[in-house]
């Protein structure tokens, strides 16, 4: 039985976005393992408190993630 665990910083994704994450990740696993496994494929979304997640030795907040999401991706040269 596959178990997909997704950790996100709290307050970044809406309920609809989290539902979409669950649906699409489940669909991806089923595309690999077969439709018969859908009913036993678990997906859990866990939210981590803002500031309790760190990258490069620095805490990351909800505001930091929202700022990252709002920035434009770098254009490859």
PDB file of N, CA and C in Angstrom:
ATOM      1  N   UNK A   1       0.834  -1.175   0.000  1.00  0.00           N
ATOM      2  CA  UNK A   1       0.000   0.000   0.000  1.00  0.00           C
ATOM      3  C   UNK A   1       0.888   1.251   0.000  1.00  0.00           C
ATOM      4  N   UNK A   2       0.863   2.010  -1.067  1.00  0.00           N
ATOM      5  CA  UNK A   2       1.668   3.234  -1.128  1.00  0.00           C
ATOM      6  C   UNK A   2       1.180   4.285  -0.134  1.00  0.00           C
ATOM      7  N   UNK A   3       2.126   4.997   0.414  1.00  0.00           N
ATOM      8  CA  UNK A   3       1.839   6.092   1.345  1.00  0.00           C
ATOM      9  C   UNK A   3       2.623   7.306   0.866  1.00  0.00           C
ATOM     10  N   UNK A   4       1.922   8.348   0.480  1.00  0.00           N
ATOM     11  CA  UNK A   4       2.545   9.586   0.009  1.00  0.00           C
ATOM     12  C   UNK A   4       2.408  10.606   1.134  1.00  0.00           C
ATOM     13  N   UNK A   5       3.524  11.173   1.581  1.00  0.00           N
ATOM     14  CA  UNK A   5       3.503  12.154   2.659  1.00  0.00           C
ATOM     15  C   UNK A   5       4.038  13.472   2.106  1.00  0.00           C
ATOM     16  N   UNK A   6       3.202  14.500   2.151  1.00  0.00           N
ATOM     17  CA  UNK A   6       3.565  15.823   1.641  1.00  0.00           C
ATOM     18  C   UNK A   6       3.613  16.781   2.819  1.00  0.00           C
ATOM     19  N   UNK A   7       4.717  17.469   2.976  1.00  0.00           N
ATOM     20  CA  UNK A   7       4.847  18.460   4.046  1.00  0.00           C
ATOM     21  C   UNK A   7       4.921  19.841   3.417  1.00  0.00           C
ATOM     22  N   UNK A   8       4.096  20.739   3.946  1.00  0.00           N
ATOM     23  CA  UNK A   8       4.005  22.115   3.453  1.00  0.00           C
ATOM     24  C   UNK A   8       4.063  23.073   4.630  1.00  0.00           C
ATOM     25  N   UNK A   9       4.528  24.267   4.384  1.00  0.00           N
ATOM     26  CA  UNK A   9       4.468  25.296   5.426  1.00  0.00           C
ATOM     27  C   UNK A   9       3.032  25.795   5.500  1.00  0.00           C
ATOM     28  N   UNK A  10       2.518  25.925   6.713  1.00  0.00           N
ATOM     29  CA  UNK A  10       1.125  26.296   6.920  1.00  0.00           C
ATOM     30  C   UNK A  10       0.776  27.623   6.255  1.00  0.00           C
ATOM     31  N   UNK A  11      -0.464  27.711   5.786  1.00  0.00           N
ATOM     32  CA  UNK A  11      -0.992  28.970   5.272  1.00  0.00           C
ATOM     33  C   UNK A  11      -0.550  29.340   3.865  1.00  0.00           C
ATOM     34  N   UNK A  12       0.138  28.446   3.168  1.00  0.00           N
ATOM     35  CA  UNK A  12       0.594  28.760   1.812  1.00  0.00           C
ATOM     36  C   UNK A  12      -0.431  28.292   0.779  1.00  0.00           C
ATOM     37  N   UNK A  13      -0.936  27.077   0.940  1.00  0.00           N
ATOM     38  CA  UNK A  13      -1.859  26.503  -0.029  1.00  0.00           C
ATOM     39  C   UNK A  13      -3.287  26.514   0.502  1.00  0.00           C
ATOM     40  N   UNK A  14      -4.239  26.768  -0.381  1.00  0.00           N
ATOM     41  CA  UNK A  14      -5.660  26.749  -0.012  1.00  0.00           C
ATOM     42  C   UNK A  14      -6.134  25.302   0.110  1.00  0.00           C
ATOM     43  N   UNK A  15      -7.320  25.122   0.663  1.00  0.00           N
ATOM     44  CA  UNK A  15      -7.898  23.780   0.770  1.00  0.00           C
ATOM     45  C   UNK A  15      -8.059  23.156  -0.612  1.00  0.00           C
ATOM     46  N   UNK A  16      -8.480  23.944  -1.585  1.00  0.00           N
ATOM     47  CA  UNK A  16      -8.636  23.431  -2.954  1.00  0.00           C
ATOM     48  C   UNK A  16      -7.292  23.000  -3.534  1.00  0.00           C
ATOM     49  N   UNK A  17      -6.248  23.777  -3.292  1.00  0.00           N
ATOM     50  CA  UNK A  17      -4.915  23.403  -3.791  1.00  0.00           C
ATOM     51  C   UNK A  17      -4.423  22.117  -3.132  1.00  0.00           C
ATOM     52  N   UNK A  18      -4.683  21.963  -1.844  1.00  0.00           N
ATOM     53  CA  UNK A  18      -4.277  20.734  -1.156  1.00  0.00           C
ATOM     54  C   UNK A  18      -5.054  19.524  -1.688  1.00  0.00           C
ATOM     55  N   UNK A  19      -6.324  19.714  -1.981  1.00  0.00           N
ATOM     56  CA  UNK A  19      -7.119  18.643  -2.586  1.00  0.00           C
ATOM     57  C   UNK A  19      -6.560  18.271  -3.956  1.00  0.00           C
ATOM     58  N   UNK A  20      -6.152  19.270  -4.699  1.00  0.00           N
ATOM     59  CA  UNK A  20      -5.559  19.041  -6.020  1.00  0.00           C
ATOM     60  C   UNK A  20      -4.235  18.279  -5.899  1.00  0.00           C
ATOM     61  N   UNK A  21      -3.437  18.620  -4.911  1.00  0.00           N
ATOM     62  CA  UNK A  21      -2.176  17.906  -4.659  1.00  0.00           C
ATOM     63  C   UNK A  21      -2.470  16.428  -4.389  1.00  0.00           C
ATOM     64  N   UNK A  22      -3.429  16.160  -3.516  1.00  0.00           N
ATOM     65  CA  UNK A  22      -3.791  14.781  -3.172  1.00  0.00           C
ATOM     66  C   UNK A  22      -4.271  14.030  -4.416  1.00  0.00           C
ATOM     67  N   UNK A  23      -5.155  14.650  -5.173  1.00  0.00           N
ATOM     68  CA  UNK A  23      -5.725  14.019  -6.356  1.00  0.00           C
ATOM     69  C   UNK A  23      -4.650  13.714  -7.411  1.00  0.00           C
ATOM     70  N   UNK A  24      -3.807  14.704  -7.694  1.00  0.00           N
ATOM     71  CA  UNK A  24      -2.812  14.533  -8.751  1.00  0.00           C
ATOM     72  C   UNK A  24      -1.688  13.570  -8.350  1.00  0.00           C
ATOM     73  N   UNK A  25      -1.267  13.615  -7.095  1.00  0.00           N
ATOM     74  CA  UNK A  25      -0.238  12.669  -6.657  1.00  0.00           C
ATOM     75  C   UNK A  25      -0.771  11.238  -6.657  1.00  0.00           C
ATOM     76  N   UNK A  26      -2.020  11.071  -6.241  1.00  0.00           N
ATOM     77  CA  UNK A  26      -2.639   9.747  -6.278  1.00  0.00           C
ATOM     78  C   UNK A  26      -2.727   9.260  -7.721  1.00  0.00           C
ATOM     79  N   UNK A  27      -3.184  10.124  -8.636  1.00  0.00           N
ATOM     80  CA  UNK A  27      -3.268   9.755 -10.052  1.00  0.00           C
ATOM     81  C   UNK A  27      -1.900   9.349 -10.603  1.00  0.00           C
ATOM     82  N   UNK A  28      -0.852  10.068 -10.187  1.00  0.00           N
ATOM     83  CA  UNK A  28       0.499   9.746 -10.653  1.00  0.00           C
ATOM     84  C   UNK A  28       0.920   8.365 -10.166  1.00  0.00           C
ATOM     85  N   UNK A  29       0.698   8.077  -8.893  1.00  0.00           N
ATOM     86  CA  UNK A  29       1.060   6.759  -8.362  1.00  0.00           C
ATOM     87  C   UNK A  29       0.273   5.653  -9.067  1.00  0.00           C
ATOM     88  N   UNK A  30      -1.015   5.874  -9.284  1.00  0.00           N
ATOM     89  CA  UNK A  30      -1.856   4.876  -9.936  1.00  0.00           C
ATOM     90  C   UNK A  30      -1.388   4.640 -11.374  1.00  0.00           C
ATOM     91  N   UNK A  31      -0.893   5.689 -12.031  1.00  0.00           N
ATOM     92  CA  UNK A  31      -0.391   5.517 -13.398  1.00  0.00           C
ATOM     93  C   UNK A  31       0.829   4.604 -13.427  1.00  0.00           C
ATOM     94  N   UNK A  32       1.539   4.524 -12.319  1.00  0.00           N
ATOM     95  CA  UNK A  32       2.724   3.661 -12.208  1.00  0.00           C
ATOM     96  C   UNK A  32       2.346   2.264 -11.721  1.00  0.00           C
ATOM     97  N   UNK A  33       1.517   2.201 -10.686  1.00  0.00           N
ATOM     98  CA  UNK A  33       1.246   0.928 -10.020  1.00  0.00           C
ATOM     99  C   UNK A  33      -0.006   0.212 -10.506  1.00  0.00           C
ATOM    100  N   UNK A  34      -0.870   0.907 -11.227  1.00  0.00           N
ATOM    101  CA  UNK A  34      -2.095   0.302 -11.737  1.00  0.00           C
ATOM    102  C   UNK A  34      -3.331   0.747 -10.979  1.00  0.00           C
ATOM    103  N   UNK A  35      -4.440   0.821 -11.697  1.00  0.00           N
ATOM    104  CA  UNK A  35      -5.705   1.322 -11.156  1.00  0.00           C
ATOM    105  C   UNK A  35      -6.191   0.532  -9.944  1.00  0.00           C
ATOM    106  N   UNK A  36      -5.888  -0.748  -9.899  1.00  0.00           N
ATOM    107  CA  UNK A  36      -6.342  -1.584  -8.777  1.00  0.00           C
ATOM    108  C   UNK A  36      -5.795  -1.095  -7.438  1.00  0.00           C
ATOM    109  N   UNK A  37      -4.718  -0.316  -7.456  1.00  0.00           N
ATOM    110  CA  UNK A  37      -4.097   0.167  -6.216  1.00  0.00           C
ATOM    111  C   UNK A  37      -4.674   1.498  -5.725  1.00  0.00           C
ATOM    112  N   UNK A  38      -5.559   2.138  -6.511  1.00  0.00           N
ATOM    113  CA  UNK A  38      -6.096   3.447  -6.120  1.00  0.00           C
ATOM    114  C   UNK A  38      -6.719   3.424  -4.720  1.00  0.00           C
ATOM    115  N   UNK A  39      -7.499   2.417  -4.451  1.00  0.00           N
ATOM    116  CA  UNK A  39      -8.231   2.391  -3.171  1.00  0.00           C
ATOM    117  C   UNK A  39      -7.331   2.183  -1.957  1.00  0.00           C
ATOM    118  N   UNK A  40      -6.086   1.785  -2.181  1.00  0.00           N
ATOM    119  CA  UNK A  40      -5.170   1.593  -1.059  1.00  0.00           C
ATOM    120  C   UNK A  40      -3.962   2.532  -1.124  1.00  0.00           C
ATOM    121  N   UNK A  41      -4.062   3.559  -1.960  1.00  0.00           N
ATOM    122  CA  UNK A  41      -3.000   4.566  -2.057  1.00  0.00           C
ATOM    123  C   UNK A  41      -3.365   5.719  -1.132  1.00  0.00           C
ATOM    124  N   UNK A  42      -2.551   5.915  -0.108  1.00  0.00           N
ATOM    125  CA  UNK A  42      -2.783   6.943   0.900  1.00  0.00           C
ATOM    126  C   UNK A  42      -1.968   8.180   0.564  1.00  0.00           C
ATOM    127  N   UNK A  43      -2.543   9.350   0.797  1.00  0.00           N
ATOM    128  CA  UNK A  43      -1.824  10.609   0.626  1.00  0.00           C
ATOM    129  C   UNK A  43      -2.172  11.508   1.812  1.00  0.00           C
ATOM    130  N   UNK A  44      -1.149  11.926   2.538  1.00  0.00           N
ATOM    131  CA  UNK A  44      -1.347  12.768   3.716  1.00  0.00           C
ATOM    132  C   UNK A  44      -0.616  14.092   3.488  1.00  0.00           C
ATOM    133  N   UNK A  45      -1.342  15.174   3.692  1.00  0.00           N
ATOM    134  CA  UNK A  45      -0.737  16.504   3.612  1.00  0.00           C
ATOM    135  C   UNK A  45      -0.597  17.019   5.042  1.00  0.00           C
ATOM    136  N   UNK A  46       0.637  17.298   5.419  1.00  0.00           N
ATOM    137  CA  UNK A  46       0.915  17.820   6.757  1.00  0.00           C
ATOM    138  C   UNK A  46       1.430  19.249   6.631  1.00  0.00           C
ATOM    139  N   UNK A  47       0.882  20.123   7.440  1.00  0.00           N
ATOM    140  CA  UNK A  47       1.359  21.504   7.455  1.00  0.00           C
ATOM    141  C   UNK A  47       2.297  21.711   8.637  1.00  0.00           C
ATOM    142  N   UNK A  48       3.419  22.304   8.344  1.00  0.00           N
ATOM    143  CA  UNK A  48       4.441  22.602   9.343  1.00  0.00           C
ATOM    144  C   UNK A  48       4.289  24.072   9.723  1.00  0.00           C
ATOM    145  N   UNK A  49       4.376  24.353  11.011  1.00  0.00           N
ATOM    146  CA  UNK A  49       4.228  25.719  11.506  1.00  0.00           C
ATOM    147  C   UNK A  49       5.249  26.655  10.846  1.00  0.00           C
ATOM    148  N   UNK A  50       4.791  27.830  10.484  1.00  0.00           N
ATOM    149  CA  UNK A  50       5.662  28.853   9.894  1.00  0.00           C
ATOM    150  C   UNK A  50       6.861  29.098  10.804  1.00  0.00           C
ATOM    151  N   UNK A  51       8.057  29.036  10.213  1.00  0.00           N
ATOM    152  CA  UNK A  51       9.275  29.238  10.987  1.00  0.00           C
ATOM    153  C   UNK A  51       9.881  27.967  11.530  1.00  0.00           C
ATOM    154  N   UNK A  52       9.122  26.837  11.467  1.00  0.00           N
ATOM    155  CA  UNK A  52       9.632  25.548  11.957  1.00  0.00           C
ATOM    156  C   UNK A  52      10.274  24.721  10.846  1.00  0.00           C
ATOM    157  N   UNK A  53      10.440  25.303   9.694  1.00  0.00           N
ATOM    158  CA  UNK A  53      11.053  24.651   8.539  1.00  0.00           C
ATOM    159  C   UNK A  53      12.276  25.474   8.205  1.00  0.00           C
ATOM    160  N   UNK A  54      13.392  24.845   7.987  1.00  0.00           N
ATOM    161  CA  UNK A  54      14.606  25.595   7.695  1.00  0.00           C
ATOM    162  C   UNK A  54      15.270  25.163   6.414  1.00  0.00           C
ATOM    163  N   UNK A  55      15.871  26.119   5.731  1.00  0.00           N
ATOM    164  CA  UNK A  55      16.664  25.867   4.533  1.00  0.00           C
ATOM    165  C   UNK A  55      17.963  26.648   4.681  1.00  0.00           C
ATOM    166  N   UNK A  56      19.063  25.976   4.442  1.00  0.00           N
ATOM    167  CA  UNK A  56      20.393  26.595   4.517  1.00  0.00           C
ATOM    168  C   UNK A  56      20.651  27.210   5.893  1.00  0.00           C
ATOM    169  N   UNK A  57      20.110  26.567   6.928  1.00  0.00           N
ATOM    170  CA  UNK A  57      20.344  27.027   8.288  1.00  0.00           C
ATOM    171  C   UNK A  57      19.478  28.193   8.726  1.00  0.00           C
ATOM    172  N   UNK A  58      18.482  28.567   7.905  1.00  0.00           N
ATOM    173  CA  UNK A  58      17.611  29.701   8.239  1.00  0.00           C
ATOM    174  C   UNK A  58      16.154  29.252   8.240  1.00  0.00           C
ATOM    175  N   UNK A  59      15.380  29.726   9.241  1.00  0.00           N
ATOM    176  CA  UNK A  59      13.964  29.385   9.266  1.00  0.00           C
ATOM    177  C   UNK A  59      13.240  29.991   8.061  1.00  0.00           C
ATOM    178  N   UNK A  60      12.249  29.265   7.562  1.00  0.00           N
ATOM    179  CA  UNK A  60      11.460  29.713   6.425  1.00  0.00           C
ATOM    180  C   UNK A  60      10.033  29.944   6.906  1.00  0.00           C
ATOM    181  N   UNK A  61       9.492  31.111   6.603  1.00  0.00           N
ATOM    182  CA  UNK A  61       8.148  31.449   7.061  1.00  0.00           C
ATOM    183  C   UNK A  61       7.142  31.349   5.912  1.00  0.00           C
ATOM    184  N   UNK A  62       5.868  31.418   6.265  1.00  0.00           N
ATOM    185  CA  UNK A  62       4.804  31.440   5.266  1.00  0.00           C
ATOM    186  C   UNK A  62       5.017  32.604   4.315  1.00  0.00           C
ATOM    187  N   UNK A  63       5.370  33.760   4.841  1.00  0.00           N
ATOM    188  CA  UNK A  63       5.599  34.948   4.001  1.00  0.00           C
ATOM    189  C   UNK A  63       6.762  34.710   3.032  1.00  0.00           C
ATOM    190  N   UNK A  64       7.811  34.037   3.486  1.00  0.00           N
ATOM    191  CA  UNK A  64       8.949  33.723   2.612  1.00  0.00           C
ATOM    192  C   UNK A  64       8.514  32.864   1.427  1.00  0.00           C
ATOM    193  N   UNK A  65       7.695  31.841   1.709  1.00  0.00           N
ATOM    194  CA  UNK A  65       7.251  30.934   0.645  1.00  0.00           C
ATOM    195  C   UNK A  65       6.339  31.672  -0.331  1.00  0.00           C
ATOM    196  N   UNK A  66       5.453  32.511   0.191  1.00  0.00           N
ATOM    197  CA  UNK A  66       4.566  33.284  -0.689  1.00  0.00           C
ATOM    198  C   UNK A  66       5.373  34.239  -1.564  1.00  0.00           C
ATOM    199  N   UNK A  67       6.423  34.825  -1.021  1.00  0.00           N
ATOM    200  CA  UNK A  67       7.281  35.708  -1.799  1.00  0.00           C
ATOM    201  C   UNK A  67       8.004  34.916  -2.893  1.00  0.00           C
ATOM    202  N   UNK A  68       8.470  33.714  -2.566  1.00  0.00           N
ATOM    203  CA  UNK A  68       9.103  32.856  -3.573  1.00  0.00           C
ATOM    204  C   UNK A  68       8.127  32.515  -4.693  1.00  0.00           C
ATOM    205  N   UNK A  69       6.906  32.153  -4.327  1.00  0.00           N
ATOM    206  CA  UNK A  69       5.902  31.781  -5.316  1.00  0.00           C
ATOM    207  C   UNK A  69       5.530  32.948  -6.220  1.00  0.00           C
ATOM    208  N   UNK A  70       5.609  34.156  -5.705  1.00  0.00           N
ATOM    209  CA  UNK A  70       5.251  35.348  -6.476  1.00  0.00           C
ATOM    210  C   UNK A  70       6.370  35.819  -7.395  1.00  0.00           C
ATOM    211  N   UNK A  71       7.595  35.376  -7.119  1.00  0.00           N
ATOM    212  CA  UNK A  71       8.721  35.835  -7.942  1.00  0.00           C
ATOM    213  C   UNK A  71       8.719  35.112  -9.280  1.00  0.00           C
ATOM    214  N   UNK A  72       9.289  35.766 -10.262  1.00  0.00           N
ATOM    215  CA  UNK A  72       9.361  35.181 -11.598  1.00  0.00           C
ATOM    216  C   UNK A  72      10.559  34.241 -11.655  1.00  0.00           C
ATOM    217  N   UNK A  73      10.378  33.071 -12.294  1.00  0.00           N
ATOM    218  CA  UNK A  73      11.501  32.136 -12.421  1.00  0.00           C
ATOM    219  C   UNK A  73      12.602  32.721 -13.295  1.00  0.00           C
ATOM    220  N   UNK A  74      13.830  32.306 -13.000  1.00  0.00           N
ATOM    221  CA  UNK A  74      14.975  32.765 -13.796  1.00  0.00           C
ATOM    222  C   UNK A  74      14.848  32.216 -15.208  1.00  0.00           C
ATOM    223  N   UNK A  75      15.237  33.028 -16.166  1.00  0.00           N
ATOM    224  CA  UNK A  75      15.199  32.607 -17.559  1.00  0.00           C
ATOM    225  C   UNK A  75      16.549  32.009 -17.924  1.00  0.00           C
ATOM    226  N   UNK A  76      16.534  30.790 -18.463  1.00  0.00           N
ATOM    227  CA  UNK A  76      17.786  30.128 -18.854  1.00  0.00           C
ATOM    228  C   UNK A  76      18.396  30.852 -20.039  1.00  0.00           C
ATOM    229  N   UNK A  77      19.696  31.047 -19.981  1.00  0.00           N
ATOM    230  CA  UNK A  77      20.365  31.751 -21.077  1.00  0.00           C
ATOM    231  C   UNK A  77      20.720  30.829 -22.210  1.00  0.00           C
TER     232      UNK A  77
END
